[in-house]
């Protein structure tokens, strides 16, 4: 039999190129994190270190091919370890569970030096006008720009843009009667306030007027 006659059989016997690539990809994807330096605990830490927002335990478990129970146990153990509850020294950072998931933060005990470092030479603080506007949105959301202006007695267009840029508030819908944009606080707002839900806001809302009294001010949004 000639080489030409043997070639088709050789081609049929050879593994498909795509199958070889898929097999290689599978081997790379499903690395057993228990075999890595530091084991599964270190793998969870590595994921947390690159997360730019709170991440759910289920997502961590899926990424590392761990069970939900094992991931939950690891997260609580790491939180206790960082807090010094397992015999080690307390760290300058801590692992917290928020409404949106888990994330590593600088330790609350070190808020003062961290704050000085972050704000040194910067103008990162919100203005009084921005803080007042944010408070109105937080307590009366969903609320329109016109309603916020009515509470504060001034135009809040510029301040609202600042709060939107900072990610502290967001557009969450439209008022069904006027079509005005409705605003509410974001998960980032809760994170910055160290809250897990809006229920933790101090009881100041009774001092603000009811939204029913401000319906006629929606036109200020235009």
N, C-alpha and C. Protein backbone atom coordinates (compact mmCIF):
# COMPACT_ATOMS: atom_id res chain seq x y z
N UNK A 1 0.87 -1.19 0.00
CA UNK A 1 0.00 0.00 0.00
C UNK A 1 0.89 1.23 0.00
N UNK A 2 0.56 2.20 -0.79
CA UNK A 2 1.38 3.40 -0.92
C UNK A 2 1.11 4.35 0.24
N UNK A 3 1.99 5.35 0.35
CA UNK A 3 1.82 6.37 1.38
C UNK A 3 0.52 7.12 1.20
N UNK A 4 0.18 7.38 -0.10
CA UNK A 4 -1.05 8.10 -0.38
C UNK A 4 -2.27 7.32 0.07
N UNK A 5 -2.21 5.96 -0.08
CA UNK A 5 -3.34 5.13 0.32
C UNK A 5 -3.47 5.03 1.84
N UNK A 6 -2.30 5.15 2.55
CA UNK A 6 -2.33 5.06 4.01
C UNK A 6 -2.80 6.38 4.66
N UNK A 7 -2.61 7.49 3.99
CA UNK A 7 -2.84 8.80 4.57
C UNK A 7 -4.26 8.99 5.08
N UNK A 8 -5.32 8.60 4.29
CA UNK A 8 -6.67 8.81 4.81
C UNK A 8 -6.93 8.09 6.13
N UNK A 9 -6.36 6.84 6.25
CA UNK A 9 -6.56 6.11 7.51
C UNK A 9 -5.86 6.82 8.65
N UNK A 10 -4.68 7.38 8.37
CA UNK A 10 -3.95 8.09 9.41
C UNK A 10 -4.72 9.31 9.86
N UNK A 11 -5.34 9.98 8.91
CA UNK A 11 -6.12 11.16 9.25
C UNK A 11 -7.32 10.79 10.11
N UNK A 12 -7.97 9.65 9.76
CA UNK A 12 -9.14 9.22 10.52
C UNK A 12 -8.78 8.82 11.93
N UNK A 13 -7.58 8.23 12.09
CA UNK A 13 -7.15 7.77 13.42
C UNK A 13 -6.68 8.92 14.30
N UNK A 14 -6.28 10.03 13.68
CA UNK A 14 -5.71 11.14 14.46
C UNK A 14 -6.81 11.87 15.21
N UNK A 15 -6.56 12.34 16.45
CA UNK A 15 -7.58 13.10 17.20
C UNK A 15 -7.83 14.43 16.53
N UNK A 16 -9.06 14.85 16.59
CA UNK A 16 -9.41 16.14 16.00
C UNK A 16 -8.69 17.25 16.72
N UNK A 17 -8.30 18.26 15.95
CA UNK A 17 -7.54 19.36 16.53
C UNK A 17 -8.35 20.07 17.60
N UNK A 18 -9.63 20.27 17.33
CA UNK A 18 -10.48 20.94 18.30
C UNK A 18 -10.61 20.16 19.59
N UNK A 19 -10.70 18.84 19.47
CA UNK A 19 -10.83 18.01 20.67
C UNK A 19 -9.59 18.11 21.53
N UNK A 20 -8.40 18.16 20.91
CA UNK A 20 -7.15 18.29 21.67
C UNK A 20 -7.11 19.62 22.40
N UNK A 21 -7.56 20.70 21.74
CA UNK A 21 -7.55 22.01 22.37
C UNK A 21 -8.55 22.05 23.53
N UNK A 22 -9.74 21.44 23.31
CA UNK A 22 -10.73 21.44 24.37
C UNK A 22 -10.22 20.67 25.58
N UNK A 23 -9.54 19.52 25.32
CA UNK A 23 -9.02 18.73 26.41
C UNK A 23 -7.98 19.51 27.20
N UNK A 24 -7.11 20.21 26.47
CA UNK A 24 -6.08 21.01 27.13
C UNK A 24 -6.72 22.12 27.94
N UNK A 25 -7.77 22.76 27.36
CA UNK A 25 -8.44 23.84 28.05
C UNK A 25 -9.10 23.34 29.33
N UNK A 26 -9.72 22.13 29.26
CA UNK A 26 -10.35 21.57 30.44
C UNK A 26 -9.34 21.33 31.55
N UNK A 27 -8.14 20.85 31.15
CA UNK A 27 -7.10 20.60 32.14
C UNK A 27 -6.67 21.89 32.82
N UNK A 28 -6.65 23.00 32.05
CA UNK A 28 -6.25 24.27 32.62
C UNK A 28 -7.35 24.86 33.49
N UNK A 29 -8.59 24.63 33.12
CA UNK A 29 -9.71 25.23 33.82
C UNK A 29 -9.95 24.59 35.18
N UNK A 30 -9.91 23.28 35.24
CA UNK A 30 -10.28 22.57 36.45
C UNK A 30 -9.04 22.14 37.25
N UNK A 31 -8.22 23.12 37.61
CA UNK A 31 -7.10 22.86 38.49
C UNK A 31 -7.63 22.66 39.91
N UNK A 32 -7.18 21.63 40.57
CA UNK A 32 -7.58 21.38 41.95
C UNK A 32 -6.88 22.38 42.85
N UNK A 33 -7.62 23.37 43.37
CA UNK A 33 -6.99 24.43 44.15
C UNK A 33 -6.39 23.92 45.45
N UNK A 34 -6.81 22.72 45.88
CA UNK A 34 -6.24 22.15 47.10
C UNK A 34 -4.76 21.80 46.92
N UNK A 35 -4.32 21.62 45.67
CA UNK A 35 -2.93 21.26 45.40
C UNK A 35 -2.03 22.48 45.24
N UNK A 36 -2.60 23.67 45.21
CA UNK A 36 -1.82 24.89 45.05
C UNK A 36 -1.22 25.31 46.39
N UNK A 37 -0.16 26.13 46.37
CA UNK A 37 0.42 26.61 47.63
C UNK A 37 -0.64 27.30 48.49
N UNK A 38 -0.74 26.87 49.73
CA UNK A 38 -1.74 27.45 50.62
C UNK A 38 -3.11 26.83 50.51
N UNK A 39 -3.31 25.94 49.54
CA UNK A 39 -4.56 25.23 49.41
C UNK A 39 -5.74 26.10 49.03
N UNK A 40 -6.92 25.61 49.34
CA UNK A 40 -8.15 26.31 48.95
C UNK A 40 -8.28 27.66 49.66
N UNK A 41 -7.79 27.75 50.88
CA UNK A 41 -7.86 29.02 51.60
C UNK A 41 -7.11 30.11 50.85
N UNK A 42 -5.91 29.79 50.38
CA UNK A 42 -5.12 30.78 49.64
C UNK A 42 -5.79 31.12 48.31
N UNK A 43 -6.43 30.14 47.69
CA UNK A 43 -7.11 30.39 46.42
C UNK A 43 -8.27 31.36 46.62
N UNK A 44 -9.02 31.18 47.69
CA UNK A 44 -10.12 32.10 48.00
C UNK A 44 -9.57 33.50 48.25
N UNK A 45 -8.47 33.58 48.99
CA UNK A 45 -7.84 34.89 49.24
C UNK A 45 -7.43 35.56 47.94
N UNK A 46 -6.88 34.80 47.03
CA UNK A 46 -6.41 35.36 45.75
C UNK A 46 -7.56 35.96 44.97
N UNK A 47 -8.71 35.27 44.98
CA UNK A 47 -9.89 35.79 44.29
C UNK A 47 -10.39 37.07 44.96
N UNK A 48 -10.44 37.06 46.29
CA UNK A 48 -10.91 38.23 47.02
C UNK A 48 -10.02 39.45 46.78
N UNK A 49 -8.72 39.22 46.59
CA UNK A 49 -7.79 40.33 46.42
C UNK A 49 -7.99 41.06 45.09
N UNK A 50 -8.54 40.38 44.10
CA UNK A 50 -8.72 41.03 42.79
C UNK A 50 -10.16 41.49 42.58
N UNK A 51 -11.03 41.24 43.54
CA UNK A 51 -12.43 41.64 43.41
C UNK A 51 -12.56 43.13 43.70
N UNK A 52 -13.15 43.88 42.75
CA UNK A 52 -13.32 45.31 42.95
C UNK A 52 -14.70 45.64 43.50
N UNK A 53 -15.45 44.63 43.89
CA UNK A 53 -16.77 44.80 44.50
C UNK A 53 -17.07 43.54 45.31
N UNK A 54 -17.99 43.62 46.26
CA UNK A 54 -18.35 42.42 47.02
C UNK A 54 -18.74 41.28 46.09
N UNK A 55 -18.30 40.07 46.42
CA UNK A 55 -18.52 38.91 45.56
C UNK A 55 -19.21 37.81 46.37
N UNK A 56 -20.21 37.18 45.78
CA UNK A 56 -20.97 36.16 46.47
C UNK A 56 -20.18 34.87 46.65
N UNK A 57 -20.48 34.15 47.72
CA UNK A 57 -19.80 32.89 47.99
C UNK A 57 -20.06 31.87 46.89
N UNK A 58 -21.26 31.94 46.30
CA UNK A 58 -21.57 30.99 45.23
C UNK A 58 -20.69 31.22 44.00
N UNK A 59 -20.39 32.48 43.73
CA UNK A 59 -19.52 32.79 42.58
C UNK A 59 -18.08 32.33 42.84
N UNK A 60 -17.62 32.51 44.07
CA UNK A 60 -16.28 32.04 44.43
C UNK A 60 -16.21 30.53 44.30
N UNK A 61 -17.24 29.85 44.80
CA UNK A 61 -17.27 28.39 44.74
C UNK A 61 -17.23 27.89 43.30
N UNK A 62 -17.98 28.55 42.42
CA UNK A 62 -18.01 28.13 41.02
C UNK A 62 -16.66 28.37 40.34
N UNK A 63 -16.02 29.50 40.65
CA UNK A 63 -14.74 29.82 40.01
C UNK A 63 -13.63 28.87 40.44
N UNK A 64 -13.68 28.40 41.68
CA UNK A 64 -12.62 27.55 42.22
C UNK A 64 -12.99 26.07 42.24
N UNK A 65 -14.19 25.75 41.74
CA UNK A 65 -14.65 24.36 41.71
C UNK A 65 -14.70 23.77 43.12
N UNK A 66 -15.25 24.57 44.05
CA UNK A 66 -15.43 24.13 45.43
C UNK A 66 -16.92 23.98 45.71
N UNK A 67 -17.25 23.26 46.76
CA UNK A 67 -18.64 23.16 47.16
C UNK A 67 -19.04 24.44 47.89
N UNK A 68 -20.34 24.70 47.94
CA UNK A 68 -20.83 25.89 48.62
C UNK A 68 -20.50 25.84 50.11
N UNK A 69 -20.66 24.68 50.73
CA UNK A 69 -20.39 24.55 52.16
C UNK A 69 -18.92 24.79 52.47
N UNK A 70 -18.03 24.21 51.64
CA UNK A 70 -16.60 24.41 51.88
C UNK A 70 -16.22 25.87 51.72
N UNK A 71 -16.79 26.53 50.72
CA UNK A 71 -16.49 27.94 50.50
C UNK A 71 -16.97 28.79 51.65
N UNK A 72 -18.18 28.52 52.14
CA UNK A 72 -18.71 29.27 53.29
C UNK A 72 -17.80 29.08 54.51
N UNK A 73 -17.37 27.85 54.76
CA UNK A 73 -16.49 27.58 55.91
C UNK A 73 -15.18 28.34 55.78
N UNK A 74 -14.61 28.34 54.57
CA UNK A 74 -13.32 29.02 54.35
C UNK A 74 -13.48 30.52 54.58
N UNK A 75 -14.54 31.11 54.07
CA UNK A 75 -14.75 32.55 54.21
C UNK A 75 -14.88 32.94 55.68
N UNK A 76 -15.62 32.17 56.45
CA UNK A 76 -15.78 32.48 57.88
C UNK A 76 -14.46 32.26 58.62
N UNK A 77 -13.70 31.24 58.26
CA UNK A 77 -12.41 31.00 58.90
C UNK A 77 -11.44 32.14 58.60
N UNK A 78 -11.42 32.61 57.36
CA UNK A 78 -10.54 33.72 57.00
C UNK A 78 -10.94 34.99 57.76
N UNK A 79 -12.23 35.23 57.86
CA UNK A 79 -12.71 36.41 58.60
C UNK A 79 -12.26 36.34 60.05
N UNK A 80 -12.37 35.17 60.67
CA UNK A 80 -11.94 35.00 62.06
C UNK A 80 -10.43 35.14 62.20
N UNK A 81 -9.72 34.59 61.22
CA UNK A 81 -8.25 34.67 61.26
C UNK A 81 -7.78 36.11 61.17
N UNK A 82 -8.34 36.88 60.24
CA UNK A 82 -7.93 38.27 60.08
C UNK A 82 -8.26 39.10 61.32
N UNK A 83 -9.36 38.74 62.01
CA UNK A 83 -9.77 39.48 63.21
C UNK A 83 -8.97 39.09 64.44
N UNK A 84 -8.13 38.05 64.32
CA UNK A 84 -7.31 37.61 65.44
C UNK A 84 -8.02 36.64 66.36
N UNK A 85 -9.16 36.09 65.92
CA UNK A 85 -9.93 35.20 66.78
C UNK A 85 -9.37 33.78 66.84
N UNK A 86 -8.42 33.47 65.95
CA UNK A 86 -7.87 32.11 65.91
C UNK A 86 -6.46 32.04 66.49
N UNK A 87 -6.10 33.06 67.28
CA UNK A 87 -4.80 33.04 67.94
C UNK A 87 -3.73 33.86 67.26
N UNK A 88 -3.96 34.27 66.01
CA UNK A 88 -2.98 35.10 65.32
C UNK A 88 -3.25 36.57 65.65
N UNK A 89 -2.31 37.45 65.29
CA UNK A 89 -2.51 38.86 65.56
C UNK A 89 -3.59 39.42 64.65
N UNK A 90 -4.35 40.41 65.12
CA UNK A 90 -5.33 41.05 64.25
C UNK A 90 -4.62 41.73 63.07
N UNK A 91 -5.20 41.64 61.90
CA UNK A 91 -4.60 42.24 60.70
C UNK A 91 -5.09 43.67 60.52
N UNK A 92 -4.44 44.36 59.62
CA UNK A 92 -4.86 45.72 59.27
C UNK A 92 -5.99 45.72 58.27
N UNK A 93 -6.45 44.55 57.90
CA UNK A 93 -7.59 44.42 56.99
C UNK A 93 -8.53 43.38 57.56
N UNK A 94 -9.76 43.38 57.05
CA UNK A 94 -10.76 42.43 57.53
C UNK A 94 -11.63 41.98 56.37
N UNK A 95 -12.20 40.81 56.54
CA UNK A 95 -13.11 40.25 55.54
C UNK A 95 -14.52 40.41 56.05
N UNK A 96 -15.33 41.14 55.29
CA UNK A 96 -16.70 41.40 55.72
C UNK A 96 -17.68 40.83 54.71
N UNK A 97 -18.84 40.43 55.22
CA UNK A 97 -19.94 40.02 54.35
C UNK A 97 -20.97 41.14 54.32
N UNK A 98 -21.24 41.67 53.15
CA UNK A 98 -22.23 42.71 52.97
C UNK A 98 -23.47 42.12 52.32
N UNK A 99 -24.42 42.97 52.00
CA UNK A 99 -25.64 42.51 51.34
C UNK A 99 -25.33 41.88 49.98
N UNK A 100 -24.26 42.37 49.33
CA UNK A 100 -23.92 41.91 47.98
C UNK A 100 -22.86 40.82 47.95
N UNK A 101 -22.28 40.47 49.10
CA UNK A 101 -21.27 39.42 49.10
C UNK A 101 -20.11 39.74 50.03
N UNK A 102 -18.98 39.08 49.78
CA UNK A 102 -17.79 39.20 50.63
C UNK A 102 -16.75 40.09 49.96
N UNK A 103 -16.03 40.86 50.79
CA UNK A 103 -14.94 41.69 50.25
C UNK A 103 -13.96 42.01 51.38
N UNK A 104 -12.70 42.19 51.00
CA UNK A 104 -11.66 42.58 51.96
C UNK A 104 -11.62 44.10 52.06
N UNK A 105 -11.63 44.60 53.29
CA UNK A 105 -11.59 46.04 53.56
C UNK A 105 -10.45 46.32 54.53
N UNK A 106 -10.03 47.58 54.58
CA UNK A 106 -9.10 47.96 55.64
C UNK A 106 -9.86 47.88 56.96
N UNK A 107 -9.14 47.57 58.03
CA UNK A 107 -9.77 47.36 59.33
C UNK A 107 -10.44 48.64 59.82
N UNK A 108 -11.64 48.49 60.39
CA UNK A 108 -12.36 49.65 60.93
C UNK A 108 -11.55 50.32 62.05
N UNK A 109 -10.75 49.53 62.77
CA UNK A 109 -9.95 50.09 63.86
C UNK A 109 -8.88 51.04 63.35
N UNK A 110 -8.54 50.93 62.07
CA UNK A 110 -7.49 51.77 61.49
C UNK A 110 -8.07 52.81 60.54
N UNK A 111 -9.34 53.14 60.74
CA UNK A 111 -10.00 54.10 59.85
C UNK A 111 -9.32 55.46 59.87
N UNK A 112 -8.86 55.90 61.04
CA UNK A 112 -8.26 57.23 61.15
C UNK A 112 -6.97 57.35 60.34
N UNK A 113 -5.97 56.46 60.54
CA UNK A 113 -4.75 56.59 59.73
C UNK A 113 -4.99 56.33 58.25
N UNK A 114 -5.88 55.41 57.93
CA UNK A 114 -6.18 55.15 56.52
C UNK A 114 -6.84 56.36 55.90
N UNK A 115 -7.75 56.99 56.64
CA UNK A 115 -8.42 58.19 56.14
C UNK A 115 -7.43 59.31 55.88
N UNK A 116 -6.46 59.49 56.78
CA UNK A 116 -5.46 60.54 56.58
C UNK A 116 -4.63 60.25 55.34
N UNK A 117 -4.30 58.99 55.14
CA UNK A 117 -3.51 58.63 53.96
C UNK A 117 -4.28 58.88 52.67
N UNK A 118 -5.54 58.44 52.65
CA UNK A 118 -6.35 58.56 51.43
C UNK A 118 -6.64 60.01 51.10
N UNK A 119 -6.92 60.81 52.12
CA UNK A 119 -7.35 62.19 51.89
C UNK A 119 -6.20 63.18 51.89
N UNK A 120 -4.99 62.72 52.18
CA UNK A 120 -3.84 63.63 52.22
C UNK A 120 -3.64 64.30 50.87
N UNK A 121 -3.76 65.62 50.85
CA UNK A 121 -3.54 66.36 49.62
C UNK A 121 -4.66 66.23 48.62
N UNK A 122 -5.78 65.63 49.00
CA UNK A 122 -6.90 65.46 48.07
C UNK A 122 -8.13 66.19 48.60
N UNK A 123 -9.04 66.46 47.72
CA UNK A 123 -10.32 67.04 48.10
C UNK A 123 -11.39 66.02 47.78
N UNK A 124 -11.39 64.93 48.56
CA UNK A 124 -12.28 63.82 48.25
C UNK A 124 -13.60 63.88 49.02
N UNK A 125 -13.71 64.81 49.98
CA UNK A 125 -14.91 64.87 50.77
C UNK A 125 -16.06 65.49 49.97
N UNK A 126 -17.26 65.02 50.24
CA UNK A 126 -18.43 65.62 49.63
C UNK A 126 -18.72 66.97 50.28
N UNK A 127 -19.23 67.89 49.49
CA UNK A 127 -19.61 69.18 50.02
C UNK A 127 -20.84 69.04 50.91
N UNK A 128 -21.13 70.08 51.69
CA UNK A 128 -22.31 70.06 52.54
C UNK A 128 -23.57 69.91 51.69
N UNK A 129 -23.60 70.59 50.55
CA UNK A 129 -24.76 70.50 49.66
C UNK A 129 -24.94 69.07 49.15
N UNK A 130 -23.83 68.41 48.82
CA UNK A 130 -23.91 67.04 48.32
C UNK A 130 -24.38 66.09 49.42
N UNK A 131 -23.90 66.31 50.63
CA UNK A 131 -24.31 65.45 51.75
C UNK A 131 -25.80 65.62 52.05
N UNK A 132 -26.28 66.86 51.99
CA UNK A 132 -27.69 67.10 52.24
C UNK A 132 -28.56 66.47 51.16
N UNK A 133 -28.13 66.60 49.92
CA UNK A 133 -28.87 66.00 48.80
C UNK A 133 -28.87 64.48 48.91
N UNK A 134 -27.74 63.91 49.25
CA UNK A 134 -27.63 62.47 49.39
C UNK A 134 -28.54 61.97 50.51
N UNK A 135 -28.64 62.74 51.59
CA UNK A 135 -29.51 62.36 52.71
C UNK A 135 -30.97 62.33 52.28
N UNK A 136 -31.38 63.34 51.49
CA UNK A 136 -32.76 63.38 51.03
C UNK A 136 -33.06 62.17 50.15
N UNK A 137 -32.14 61.86 49.24
CA UNK A 137 -32.35 60.70 48.36
C UNK A 137 -32.41 59.42 49.18
N UNK A 138 -31.50 59.28 50.14
CA UNK A 138 -31.43 58.05 50.93
C UNK A 138 -32.72 57.81 51.72
N UNK A 139 -33.27 58.88 52.30
CA UNK A 139 -34.44 58.71 53.16
C UNK A 139 -35.77 58.73 52.41
N UNK A 140 -35.80 59.36 51.23
CA UNK A 140 -37.07 59.51 50.52
C UNK A 140 -37.11 58.78 49.18
N UNK A 141 -36.14 57.92 48.92
CA UNK A 141 -36.12 57.21 47.64
C UNK A 141 -37.29 56.24 47.51
N UNK A 142 -37.77 56.03 46.27
CA UNK A 142 -37.35 56.70 45.04
C UNK A 142 -37.88 58.13 44.98
N UNK A 143 -37.06 59.06 44.55
CA UNK A 143 -37.41 60.47 44.60
C UNK A 143 -36.92 61.15 43.33
N UNK A 144 -37.66 62.17 42.88
CA UNK A 144 -37.26 62.89 41.68
C UNK A 144 -36.33 64.04 42.04
N UNK A 145 -35.66 64.54 41.02
CA UNK A 145 -34.77 65.69 41.22
C UNK A 145 -35.57 66.90 41.72
N UNK A 146 -36.77 67.07 41.16
CA UNK A 146 -37.60 68.19 41.58
C UNK A 146 -38.00 68.11 43.03
N UNK A 147 -38.32 66.90 43.50
CA UNK A 147 -38.70 66.72 44.89
C UNK A 147 -37.52 66.99 45.82
N UNK A 148 -36.32 66.58 45.40
CA UNK A 148 -35.13 66.87 46.21
C UNK A 148 -34.90 68.37 46.28
N UNK A 149 -35.07 69.06 45.15
CA UNK A 149 -34.92 70.51 45.11
C UNK A 149 -35.92 71.19 46.03
N UNK A 150 -37.15 70.65 46.08
CA UNK A 150 -38.17 71.24 46.94
C UNK A 150 -37.82 71.10 48.41
N UNK A 151 -37.25 69.96 48.79
CA UNK A 151 -36.85 69.75 50.18
C UNK A 151 -35.72 70.69 50.57
N UNK A 152 -34.74 70.84 49.66
CA UNK A 152 -33.57 71.65 49.98
C UNK A 152 -33.78 73.13 49.69
N UNK A 153 -34.74 73.45 48.85
CA UNK A 153 -35.00 74.85 48.54
C UNK A 153 -34.06 75.46 47.55
N UNK A 154 -33.27 74.63 46.86
CA UNK A 154 -32.32 75.12 45.86
C UNK A 154 -32.28 74.14 44.70
N UNK A 155 -31.76 74.58 43.57
CA UNK A 155 -31.57 73.69 42.43
C UNK A 155 -30.45 72.69 42.75
N UNK A 156 -30.70 71.41 42.47
CA UNK A 156 -29.72 70.38 42.84
C UNK A 156 -29.14 69.67 41.62
N UNK A 157 -29.30 70.23 40.43
CA UNK A 157 -28.84 69.56 39.22
C UNK A 157 -27.35 69.21 39.30
N UNK A 158 -26.52 70.18 39.66
CA UNK A 158 -25.07 69.95 39.71
C UNK A 158 -24.70 68.94 40.78
N UNK A 159 -25.35 69.01 41.92
CA UNK A 159 -25.05 68.10 43.02
C UNK A 159 -25.46 66.67 42.65
N UNK A 160 -26.62 66.54 42.00
CA UNK A 160 -27.07 65.21 41.58
C UNK A 160 -26.07 64.60 40.60
N UNK A 161 -25.55 65.42 39.68
CA UNK A 161 -24.54 64.90 38.73
C UNK A 161 -23.31 64.43 39.48
N UNK A 162 -22.90 65.16 40.52
CA UNK A 162 -21.74 64.75 41.32
C UNK A 162 -21.99 63.42 41.99
N UNK A 163 -23.16 63.24 42.57
CA UNK A 163 -23.49 62.00 43.27
C UNK A 163 -23.60 60.83 42.29
N UNK A 164 -24.11 61.10 41.09
CA UNK A 164 -24.16 60.06 40.07
C UNK A 164 -22.75 59.65 39.66
N UNK A 165 -21.87 60.63 39.48
CA UNK A 165 -20.49 60.35 39.09
C UNK A 165 -19.76 59.55 40.16
N UNK A 166 -20.03 59.88 41.42
CA UNK A 166 -19.39 59.15 42.53
C UNK A 166 -19.97 57.75 42.71
N UNK A 167 -21.08 57.45 42.03
CA UNK A 167 -21.68 56.12 42.15
C UNK A 167 -22.49 55.94 43.42
N UNK A 168 -22.85 57.06 44.09
CA UNK A 168 -23.60 56.97 45.35
C UNK A 168 -25.10 56.89 45.11
N UNK A 169 -25.57 57.45 43.99
CA UNK A 169 -26.97 57.34 43.61
C UNK A 169 -27.05 56.89 42.16
N UNK A 170 -28.24 56.46 41.74
CA UNK A 170 -28.42 56.00 40.36
C UNK A 170 -29.86 56.23 39.95
N UNK A 171 -30.09 56.30 38.63
CA UNK A 171 -31.45 56.38 38.12
C UNK A 171 -32.09 55.00 38.24
N UNK A 172 -33.26 54.95 38.87
CA UNK A 172 -33.87 53.64 39.13
C UNK A 172 -35.26 53.51 38.52
N UNK A 173 -35.66 54.48 37.70
CA UNK A 173 -36.96 54.37 37.06
C UNK A 173 -37.53 55.73 36.73
N UNK A 174 -38.82 55.76 36.41
CA UNK A 174 -39.53 56.99 36.10
C UNK A 174 -40.80 57.08 36.92
N UNK A 175 -41.14 58.30 37.33
CA UNK A 175 -42.38 58.51 38.04
C UNK A 175 -43.55 58.27 37.08
N UNK A 176 -44.48 57.39 37.42
CA UNK A 176 -45.55 57.03 36.49
C UNK A 176 -46.47 58.19 36.13
N UNK A 177 -46.59 59.19 37.02
CA UNK A 177 -47.51 60.30 36.76
C UNK A 177 -46.87 61.44 35.99
N UNK A 178 -45.61 61.74 36.29
CA UNK A 178 -44.95 62.88 35.65
C UNK A 178 -43.91 62.50 34.61
N UNK A 179 -43.43 61.24 34.66
CA UNK A 179 -42.37 60.82 33.75
C UNK A 179 -40.99 61.27 34.19
N UNK A 180 -40.91 61.95 35.34
CA UNK A 180 -39.62 62.41 35.85
C UNK A 180 -38.76 61.24 36.29
N UNK A 181 -37.45 61.39 36.16
CA UNK A 181 -36.52 60.34 36.55
C UNK A 181 -36.52 60.18 38.07
N UNK A 182 -36.55 58.94 38.50
CA UNK A 182 -36.49 58.63 39.93
C UNK A 182 -35.06 58.22 40.30
N UNK A 183 -34.61 58.68 41.46
CA UNK A 183 -33.27 58.37 41.92
C UNK A 183 -33.32 57.59 43.23
N UNK A 184 -32.31 56.76 43.43
CA UNK A 184 -32.16 56.02 44.66
C UNK A 184 -30.69 55.79 44.95
N UNK A 185 -30.37 55.36 46.15
CA UNK A 185 -28.98 55.08 46.51
C UNK A 185 -28.55 53.74 45.93
N UNK A 186 -27.26 53.51 45.90
CA UNK A 186 -26.68 52.32 45.29
C UNK A 186 -26.08 51.39 46.35
N UNK A 187 -25.66 50.23 45.89
CA UNK A 187 -24.94 49.32 46.76
C UNK A 187 -23.63 49.92 47.26
N UNK A 188 -23.01 50.75 46.41
CA UNK A 188 -21.77 51.42 46.81
C UNK A 188 -22.02 52.37 47.98
N UNK A 189 -23.18 53.04 47.96
CA UNK A 189 -23.55 53.91 49.08
C UNK A 189 -23.59 53.11 50.38
N UNK A 190 -24.27 51.95 50.35
CA UNK A 190 -24.34 51.10 51.54
C UNK A 190 -22.95 50.67 51.98
N UNK A 191 -22.13 50.33 51.00
CA UNK A 191 -20.76 49.89 51.30
C UNK A 191 -19.97 50.99 51.98
N UNK A 192 -20.07 52.22 51.47
CA UNK A 192 -19.33 53.34 52.05
C UNK A 192 -19.86 53.69 53.44
N UNK A 193 -21.14 53.47 53.66
CA UNK A 193 -21.73 53.76 54.97
C UNK A 193 -21.56 52.60 55.94
N UNK A 194 -21.02 51.48 55.43
CA UNK A 194 -20.84 50.27 56.24
C UNK A 194 -22.19 49.73 56.71
N UNK A 195 -23.20 49.82 55.80
CA UNK A 195 -24.52 49.27 56.08
C UNK A 195 -24.71 48.01 55.25
N UNK A 196 -25.59 47.14 55.73
CA UNK A 196 -25.99 45.99 54.93
C UNK A 196 -27.34 46.22 54.28
N UNK A 197 -28.12 47.18 54.80
CA UNK A 197 -29.40 47.52 54.20
C UNK A 197 -29.77 48.93 54.63
N UNK A 198 -30.76 49.51 53.93
CA UNK A 198 -31.23 50.85 54.26
C UNK A 198 -31.93 50.90 55.61
N UNK A 199 -32.32 49.76 56.15
CA UNK A 199 -32.96 49.72 57.46
C UNK A 199 -32.03 50.22 58.56
N UNK A 200 -30.72 50.26 58.27
CA UNK A 200 -29.75 50.70 59.27
C UNK A 200 -29.58 52.21 59.30
N UNK A 201 -30.25 52.93 58.41
CA UNK A 201 -30.18 54.40 58.45
C UNK A 201 -30.76 54.90 59.77
N UNK A 202 -30.17 55.93 60.36
CA UNK A 202 -30.74 56.50 61.59
C UNK A 202 -32.16 57.01 61.33
N UNK A 203 -33.03 56.99 62.34
CA UNK A 203 -34.44 57.36 62.15
C UNK A 203 -34.64 58.86 62.02
N UNK A 204 -34.26 59.41 60.86
CA UNK A 204 -34.42 60.85 60.62
C UNK A 204 -35.56 61.16 59.66
N UNK A 205 -36.06 60.16 58.97
CA UNK A 205 -37.05 60.38 57.93
C UNK A 205 -38.29 61.16 58.41
N UNK A 206 -38.78 60.98 59.64
CA UNK A 206 -39.96 61.73 60.05
C UNK A 206 -39.78 63.24 60.00
N UNK A 207 -38.54 63.73 59.97
CA UNK A 207 -38.28 65.16 59.93
C UNK A 207 -38.33 65.71 58.51
N UNK A 208 -38.47 64.86 57.51
CA UNK A 208 -38.56 65.29 56.13
C UNK A 208 -40.02 65.29 55.70
N UNK A 209 -40.40 66.20 54.79
CA UNK A 209 -41.80 66.24 54.34
C UNK A 209 -42.16 65.02 53.53
N UNK A 210 -43.45 64.65 53.57
CA UNK A 210 -43.94 63.52 52.78
C UNK A 210 -43.84 63.85 51.30
N UNK A 211 -43.58 62.82 50.49
CA UNK A 211 -43.47 63.03 49.05
C UNK A 211 -44.77 63.51 48.44
N UNK A 212 -45.91 63.16 49.05
CA UNK A 212 -47.20 63.60 48.51
C UNK A 212 -47.30 65.12 48.50
N UNK A 213 -46.57 65.77 49.41
CA UNK A 213 -46.60 67.23 49.47
C UNK A 213 -45.73 67.85 48.40
N UNK A 214 -44.90 67.03 47.74
CA UNK A 214 -43.92 67.57 46.79
C UNK A 214 -44.22 67.20 45.35
N UNK A 215 -45.39 66.60 45.10
CA UNK A 215 -45.71 66.14 43.75
C UNK A 215 -45.70 67.27 42.74
N UNK A 216 -46.09 68.47 43.15
CA UNK A 216 -46.16 69.58 42.22
C UNK A 216 -44.82 70.10 41.80
N UNK A 217 -43.74 69.58 42.36
CA UNK A 217 -42.41 70.08 42.06
C UNK A 217 -41.67 69.23 41.05
N UNK A 218 -42.34 68.20 40.49
CA UNK A 218 -41.67 67.35 39.52
C UNK A 218 -41.27 68.10 38.27
N UNK A 219 -41.95 69.20 38.01
CA UNK A 219 -41.61 69.97 36.82
C UNK A 219 -40.22 70.54 36.86
N UNK A 220 -39.62 70.64 38.05
CA UNK A 220 -38.26 71.16 38.16
C UNK A 220 -37.25 70.23 37.51
N UNK A 221 -37.66 68.98 37.24
CA UNK A 221 -36.74 68.04 36.61
C UNK A 221 -36.49 68.38 35.15
N UNK A 222 -37.39 69.12 34.53
CA UNK A 222 -37.29 69.39 33.09
C UNK A 222 -36.26 70.47 32.81
